[in-house]
Amino acid sequence: MDRARLADFLRTRREALQPEDVGLPRGRRRRTSGLRREEVAVLSDMSIDYYSRLEQHRGPHPSEQMLSALARGLRLSLEERDHLFRLAGYATPQRHLRADHINPGMMRIFDGLADAAAQIVTYLGETLKQTRLSVALIGDESLHTGLARSLHYRWFTDPETRELYHEEDQEDHTRLIAANLHRVYTRDGAGSRAAAIVDALLDKSPEFTAIWGEHPVTGPYCPPKRVRHPQLGLLELHCQTLLDPDQSQLLVVYTATPGTESYDKLRLLSIIGAQPESAGAGSTL
């Protein structure tokens, strides 16, 4: 690990970013060239002290997970992310396995949706980033680890995942999720993360095994959803997606029709924010 060059690289990329680039207000008394250290720490979901020590040549050896978070927070390109990993002493991750990296362009769009119920997910239903309203609506999906990071895995192994949706819609969601996993598995093949999820589900879920044997096929369509919120009840939402084919990711935005009860509930939810009871519900594709 080259601490000095790593620190210098982080500093130069921090100073190259402006508040407007990441959806932050500039303020009147800003003297810092670029972003402040505390702003990068917040964007990267880490403590200010941890990030500050990295820039001061005295930080710990960051894990690959922390480096990925820094790459997202600093809006690094794939090439810059590779360089960051090498400076920290890691081998460059294979491109086709790096679904945890978010394209800077996608992040800029996401930054402009701070007041919307939006999230960035992989093709395997792994949530990489959520807005505050998204967390309030469906729960904080960053809490999941291991295979459970994937909605596809949770849907067939954790009954609570399905409780977010209306009972009449769950069968359609089941087939859509299985078909989406089938599509990603066919594309990525053996040895991929999709294959690991498929193998685990074939071992754990008779329901998934039965559907998998039918070779389900469907497109990446995000249908309307009836979401059951623990405080506000049923919300009828529309789902819009923006596809980043290079990174195998989707930007998903939930909206409600203006003038409806669901629209009023979504606006109320943006005010009251997330409640403890709503955590960990689950996203969908």
Protein backbone atom coordinates (compact mmCIF):
# COMPACT_ATOMS: atom_id res chain seq x y z
CA MET A 1 0.00 0.00 0.00
CA ASP A 2 1.38 3.38 -1.04
CA ARG A 3 -0.03 5.62 1.71
CA ALA A 4 1.44 8.86 0.39
CA ARG A 5 0.24 8.44 -3.17
CA LEU A 6 -3.14 7.13 -2.00
CA ALA A 7 -3.57 10.22 0.18
CA ASP A 8 -2.52 12.52 -2.64
CA PHE A 9 -4.88 10.83 -5.09
CA LEU A 10 -7.83 11.19 -2.72
CA ARG A 11 -7.02 14.85 -2.12
CA THR A 12 -6.75 15.72 -5.83
CA ARG A 13 -10.05 14.01 -6.64
CA ARG A 14 -11.76 15.69 -3.68
CA GLU A 15 -10.53 19.12 -4.75
CA ALA A 16 -11.66 18.48 -8.34
CA LEU A 17 -15.28 18.01 -7.25
CA GLN A 18 -17.61 20.93 -6.61
CA PRO A 19 -20.67 20.79 -4.32
CA GLU A 20 -22.95 21.12 -7.34
CA ASP A 21 -21.39 17.97 -8.84
CA VAL A 22 -22.72 15.84 -5.99
CA GLY A 23 -26.01 17.59 -5.25
CA LEU A 24 -24.78 19.66 -2.28
CA PRO A 25 -25.41 23.39 -1.68
CA ARG A 26 -22.35 25.61 -2.07
CA GLY A 27 -23.06 28.03 0.75
CA ARG A 28 -21.72 31.58 1.09
CA ARG A 29 -18.57 31.06 3.16
CA ARG A 30 -16.92 28.20 1.31
CA ARG A 31 -13.15 28.62 1.15
CA THR A 32 -12.18 25.03 0.39
CA SER A 33 -11.06 24.20 -3.14
CA GLY A 34 -13.57 21.54 -4.10
CA LEU A 35 -15.35 19.44 -1.49
CA ARG A 36 -14.60 19.40 2.21
CA ARG A 37 -13.29 16.23 3.81
CA GLU A 38 -16.44 15.84 5.86
CA GLU A 39 -18.54 16.03 2.71
CA VAL A 40 -16.58 13.22 1.07
CA ALA A 41 -16.92 11.16 4.25
CA VAL A 42 -20.70 11.55 4.21
CA LEU A 43 -20.92 10.75 0.50
CA SER A 44 -18.82 7.63 1.11
CA ASP A 45 -20.77 6.47 4.19
CA MET A 46 -17.76 6.55 6.51
CA SER A 47 -16.64 8.57 9.51
CA ILE A 48 -14.96 11.94 9.03
CA ASP A 49 -12.04 10.79 11.19
CA TYR A 50 -11.48 7.69 9.05
CA TYR A 51 -11.40 9.64 5.80
CA SER A 52 -9.26 12.43 7.26
CA ARG A 53 -6.63 9.96 8.41
CA LEU A 54 -6.45 8.46 4.92
CA GLU A 55 -5.66 11.88 3.47
CA GLN A 56 -3.10 12.53 6.21
CA HIS A 57 -1.00 9.41 5.45
CA ARG A 58 -1.91 7.82 8.79
CA GLY A 59 -5.05 5.88 8.07
CA PRO A 60 -5.55 2.11 8.31
CA HIS A 61 -5.31 -0.17 5.30
CA PRO A 62 -8.77 0.31 3.72
CA SER A 63 -10.74 -2.78 2.74
CA GLU A 64 -11.98 -3.33 -0.79
CA GLN A 65 -15.48 -2.45 0.45
CA MET A 66 -14.22 0.89 1.79
CA LEU A 67 -12.40 1.60 -1.47
CA SER A 68 -15.59 0.93 -3.41
CA ALA A 69 -17.42 3.36 -1.15
CA LEU A 70 -14.72 6.00 -1.74
CA ALA A 71 -14.95 5.45 -5.49
CA ARG A 72 -18.69 6.11 -5.35
CA GLY A 73 -18.35 9.09 -3.03
CA LEU A 74 -15.69 10.72 -5.22
CA ARG A 75 -17.55 9.86 -8.44
CA LEU A 76 -14.53 8.04 -9.87
CA SER A 77 -14.51 6.54 -13.33
CA LEU A 78 -13.71 2.86 -13.76
CA GLU A 79 -10.13 3.70 -14.68
CA GLU A 80 -9.76 5.92 -11.61
CA ARG A 81 -11.26 3.20 -9.45
CA ASP A 82 -8.71 0.72 -10.78
CA HIS A 83 -5.95 3.16 -9.86
CA LEU A 84 -7.37 3.60 -6.37
CA PHE A 85 -7.33 -0.16 -5.81
CA ARG A 86 -3.74 -0.47 -7.02
CA LEU A 87 -2.58 2.34 -4.73
CA ALA A 88 -4.14 0.49 -1.80
CA GLY A 89 -2.28 -2.68 -2.75
CA TYR A 90 -5.13 -4.67 -4.25
CA ALA A 91 -5.35 -6.39 -7.61
CA THR A 92 -7.59 -4.61 -10.06
CA PRO A 93 -11.07 -6.21 -9.87
CA GLN A 94 -12.35 -7.85 -13.00
CA ARG A 95 -14.59 -5.50 -14.93
CA HIS A 96 -17.51 -7.87 -15.36
CA LEU A 97 -17.66 -8.55 -11.61
CA ARG A 98 -17.62 -4.91 -10.51
CA ALA A 99 -21.32 -4.25 -10.26
CA ASP A 100 -20.74 -2.40 -6.98
CA HIS A 101 -19.20 0.53 -8.87
CA ILE A 102 -21.66 3.21 -9.96
CA ASN A 103 -21.04 5.13 -13.16
CA PRO A 104 -20.34 8.83 -12.38
CA GLY A 105 -23.03 9.85 -14.86
CA MET A 106 -25.57 7.68 -13.08
CA MET A 107 -24.50 9.19 -9.76
CA ARG A 108 -25.04 12.72 -11.10
CA ILE A 109 -28.60 11.81 -12.08
CA PHE A 110 -29.14 10.18 -8.69
CA ASP A 111 -27.85 13.29 -6.91
CA GLY A 112 -30.60 15.30 -8.61
CA LEU A 113 -33.28 13.00 -7.20
CA ALA A 114 -32.67 13.72 -3.52
CA ASP A 115 -36.37 14.43 -2.90
CA ALA A 116 -37.61 11.36 -4.82
CA ALA A 117 -37.96 7.71 -3.82
CA ALA A 118 -35.00 6.50 -5.88
CA GLN A 119 -32.34 3.84 -5.64
CA ILE A 120 -29.57 2.30 -7.73
CA VAL A 121 -29.65 -1.49 -7.93
CA THR A 122 -27.72 -4.19 -9.76
CA TYR A 123 -29.37 -6.72 -12.05
CA LEU A 124 -29.33 -9.07 -9.05
CA GLY A 125 -31.41 -6.70 -6.94
CA GLU A 126 -28.49 -5.51 -4.78
CA THR A 127 -29.17 -1.94 -3.67
CA LEU A 128 -26.08 0.25 -3.94
CA LYS A 129 -27.55 3.65 -3.11
CA GLN A 130 -30.87 4.95 -1.78
CA THR A 131 -32.38 8.36 -1.26
CA ARG A 132 -33.86 9.26 2.11
CA LEU A 133 -37.40 8.81 0.78
CA SER A 134 -36.54 5.39 -0.66
CA VAL A 135 -35.34 4.26 2.77
CA ALA A 136 -38.55 5.59 4.35
CA LEU A 137 -40.64 3.77 1.76
CA ILE A 138 -39.05 0.31 1.57
CA GLY A 139 -36.44 0.22 4.34
CA ASP A 140 -32.67 0.55 4.52
CA GLU A 141 -31.37 -2.14 2.20
CA SER A 142 -27.73 -1.45 3.04
CA LEU A 143 -28.28 -3.53 6.18
CA HIS A 144 -28.22 -6.80 4.22
CA THR A 145 -24.99 -8.75 3.80
CA GLY A 146 -23.74 -11.78 1.89
CA LEU A 147 -26.15 -13.42 -0.53
CA ALA A 148 -28.98 -11.60 1.28
CA ARG A 149 -27.84 -8.37 -0.39
CA SER A 150 -29.76 -9.69 -3.40
CA LEU A 151 -33.52 -9.27 -3.47
CA HIS A 152 -33.62 -12.40 -5.65
CA TYR A 153 -32.17 -14.42 -2.79
CA ARG A 154 -34.25 -12.80 -0.03
CA TRP A 155 -37.50 -13.19 -1.97
CA PHE A 156 -37.25 -16.99 -1.82
CA THR A 157 -35.59 -17.37 1.60
CA ASP A 158 -37.04 -14.62 3.82
CA PRO A 159 -40.86 -14.46 4.06
CA GLU A 160 -40.74 -10.92 5.46
CA THR A 161 -39.44 -9.65 2.11
CA ARG A 162 -42.78 -10.35 0.46
CA GLU A 163 -44.79 -8.58 3.15
CA LEU A 164 -43.98 -5.25 1.50
CA TYR A 165 -46.25 -6.09 -1.44
CA HIS A 166 -49.96 -6.73 -1.80
CA GLU A 167 -50.81 -10.46 -1.60
CA GLU A 168 -52.43 -10.45 -5.05
CA ASP A 169 -49.22 -9.14 -6.64
CA GLN A 170 -46.75 -11.50 -5.01
CA GLU A 171 -47.08 -14.33 -7.52
CA ASP A 172 -46.31 -11.99 -10.43
CA HIS A 173 -43.31 -10.58 -8.55
CA THR A 174 -42.10 -14.13 -7.88
CA ARG A 175 -42.03 -15.07 -11.54
CA LEU A 176 -40.55 -11.72 -12.59
CA ILE A 177 -37.71 -12.04 -10.07
CA ALA A 178 -36.99 -15.65 -11.05
CA ALA A 179 -36.99 -14.72 -14.74
CA ASN A 180 -34.64 -11.82 -14.15
CA LEU A 181 -32.22 -14.08 -12.26
CA HIS A 182 -32.46 -16.61 -15.10
CA ARG A 183 -31.50 -13.91 -17.60
CA VAL A 184 -28.48 -12.74 -15.58
CA TYR A 185 -27.34 -16.33 -14.93
CA THR A 186 -27.54 -17.14 -18.65
CA ARG A 187 -25.44 -14.06 -19.42
CA ASP A 188 -22.79 -14.46 -16.70
CA GLY A 189 -22.53 -18.25 -16.49
CA ALA A 190 -20.84 -20.54 -14.00
CA GLY A 191 -18.60 -18.95 -11.39
CA SER A 192 -20.57 -15.70 -11.36
CA ARG A 193 -22.41 -14.17 -8.41
CA ALA A 194 -25.67 -15.02 -10.17
CA ALA A 195 -24.59 -18.68 -10.26
CA ALA A 196 -23.84 -18.62 -6.52
CA ILE A 197 -27.34 -17.26 -5.82
CA VAL A 198 -28.95 -19.82 -8.13
CA ASP A 199 -27.07 -22.72 -6.51
CA ALA A 200 -28.07 -21.55 -3.04
CA LEU A 201 -31.73 -21.16 -4.01
CA LEU A 202 -31.89 -24.56 -5.71
CA ASP A 203 -30.69 -26.00 -2.41
CA LYS A 204 -33.00 -23.97 -0.15
CA SER A 205 -36.22 -23.20 -2.06
CA PRO A 206 -38.50 -25.82 -3.66
CA GLU A 207 -40.62 -22.95 -5.03
CA PHE A 208 -37.63 -21.46 -6.84
CA THR A 209 -36.54 -24.90 -8.09
CA ALA A 210 -39.95 -25.50 -9.67
CA ILE A 211 -39.98 -22.13 -11.46
CA TRP A 212 -36.33 -22.45 -12.49
CA GLY A 213 -37.11 -25.74 -14.23
CA GLU A 214 -39.56 -23.90 -16.49
CA HIS A 215 -36.78 -21.63 -17.87
CA PRO A 216 -38.71 -18.40 -17.11
CA VAL A 217 -38.04 -15.60 -19.58
CA THR A 218 -39.10 -11.95 -19.37
CA GLY A 219 -37.68 -8.50 -20.00
CA PRO A 220 -36.42 -5.98 -17.40
CA TYR A 221 -39.90 -4.49 -17.00
CA CYS A 222 -40.75 -2.70 -13.77
CA PRO A 223 -44.55 -2.94 -13.37
CA PRO A 224 -46.78 -0.81 -11.12
CA LYS A 225 -46.54 -1.79 -7.47
CA ARG A 226 -48.84 -1.82 -4.50
CA VAL A 227 -46.56 -1.24 -1.52
CA ARG A 228 -47.74 -1.74 2.05
CA HIS A 229 -46.14 0.77 4.39
CA PRO A 230 -46.34 -0.07 8.13
CA GLN A 231 -47.53 3.43 9.10
CA LEU A 232 -49.34 4.75 6.02
CA GLY A 233 -50.91 1.61 4.62
CA LEU A 234 -51.19 0.78 0.92
CA LEU A 235 -49.51 2.97 -1.72
CA GLU A 236 -50.09 2.43 -5.44
CA LEU A 237 -46.86 3.40 -7.17
CA HIS A 238 -45.42 3.53 -10.66
CA CYS A 239 -41.86 2.38 -11.28
CA GLN A 240 -39.54 4.07 -13.80
CA THR A 241 -36.06 2.76 -14.56
CA LEU A 242 -32.90 4.06 -16.21
CA LEU A 243 -30.54 1.38 -17.47
CA ASP A 244 -26.75 1.52 -17.41
CA PRO A 245 -25.80 -1.52 -19.54
CA ASP A 246 -22.05 -1.13 -18.99
CA GLN A 247 -22.39 -1.51 -15.23
CA SER A 248 -25.42 -3.84 -15.26
CA GLN A 249 -27.30 -1.43 -13.01
CA LEU A 250 -30.69 0.24 -12.88
CA LEU A 251 -31.75 3.58 -11.42
CA VAL A 252 -35.25 2.91 -10.07
CA VAL A 253 -37.65 5.75 -9.20
CA TYR A 254 -41.02 5.25 -7.50
CA THR A 255 -43.75 7.82 -8.22
CA ALA A 256 -47.46 8.21 -7.55
CA THR A 257 -50.14 9.81 -9.71
CA PRO A 258 -50.79 13.43 -8.60
CA GLY A 259 -54.15 13.95 -6.93
CA THR A 260 -54.37 10.39 -5.60
CA GLU A 261 -54.27 9.20 -2.00
CA SER A 262 -50.97 7.44 -2.74
CA TYR A 263 -49.46 10.73 -3.94
CA ASP A 264 -50.45 12.42 -0.68
CA LYS A 265 -49.03 9.52 1.33
CA LEU A 266 -45.72 9.65 -0.55
CA ARG A 267 -45.46 13.39 0.12
CA LEU A 268 -46.22 12.80 3.80
CA LEU A 269 -43.57 10.09 3.93
CA SER A 270 -41.00 12.54 2.56
CA ILE A 271 -41.71 14.71 5.63
CA ILE A 272 -41.86 12.13 8.40
CA GLY A 273 -38.95 10.07 7.04
CA ALA A 274 -38.01 6.50 7.88
CA GLN A 275 -39.45 4.79 10.93
CA PRO A 276 -37.73 1.88 12.70
CA GLU A 277 -40.57 -0.48 11.83
CA SER A 278 -40.04 0.05 8.10
CA ALA A 279 -36.40 -0.98 7.94
CA GLY A 280 -35.22 -3.87 5.79
CA ALA A 281 -38.28 -4.43 3.59
CA GLY A 282 -36.71 -4.90 0.16
CA SER A 283 -36.42 -3.45 -3.34
CA THR A 284 -37.50 -4.84 -6.64
CA LEU A 285 -36.68 -4.72 -10.32
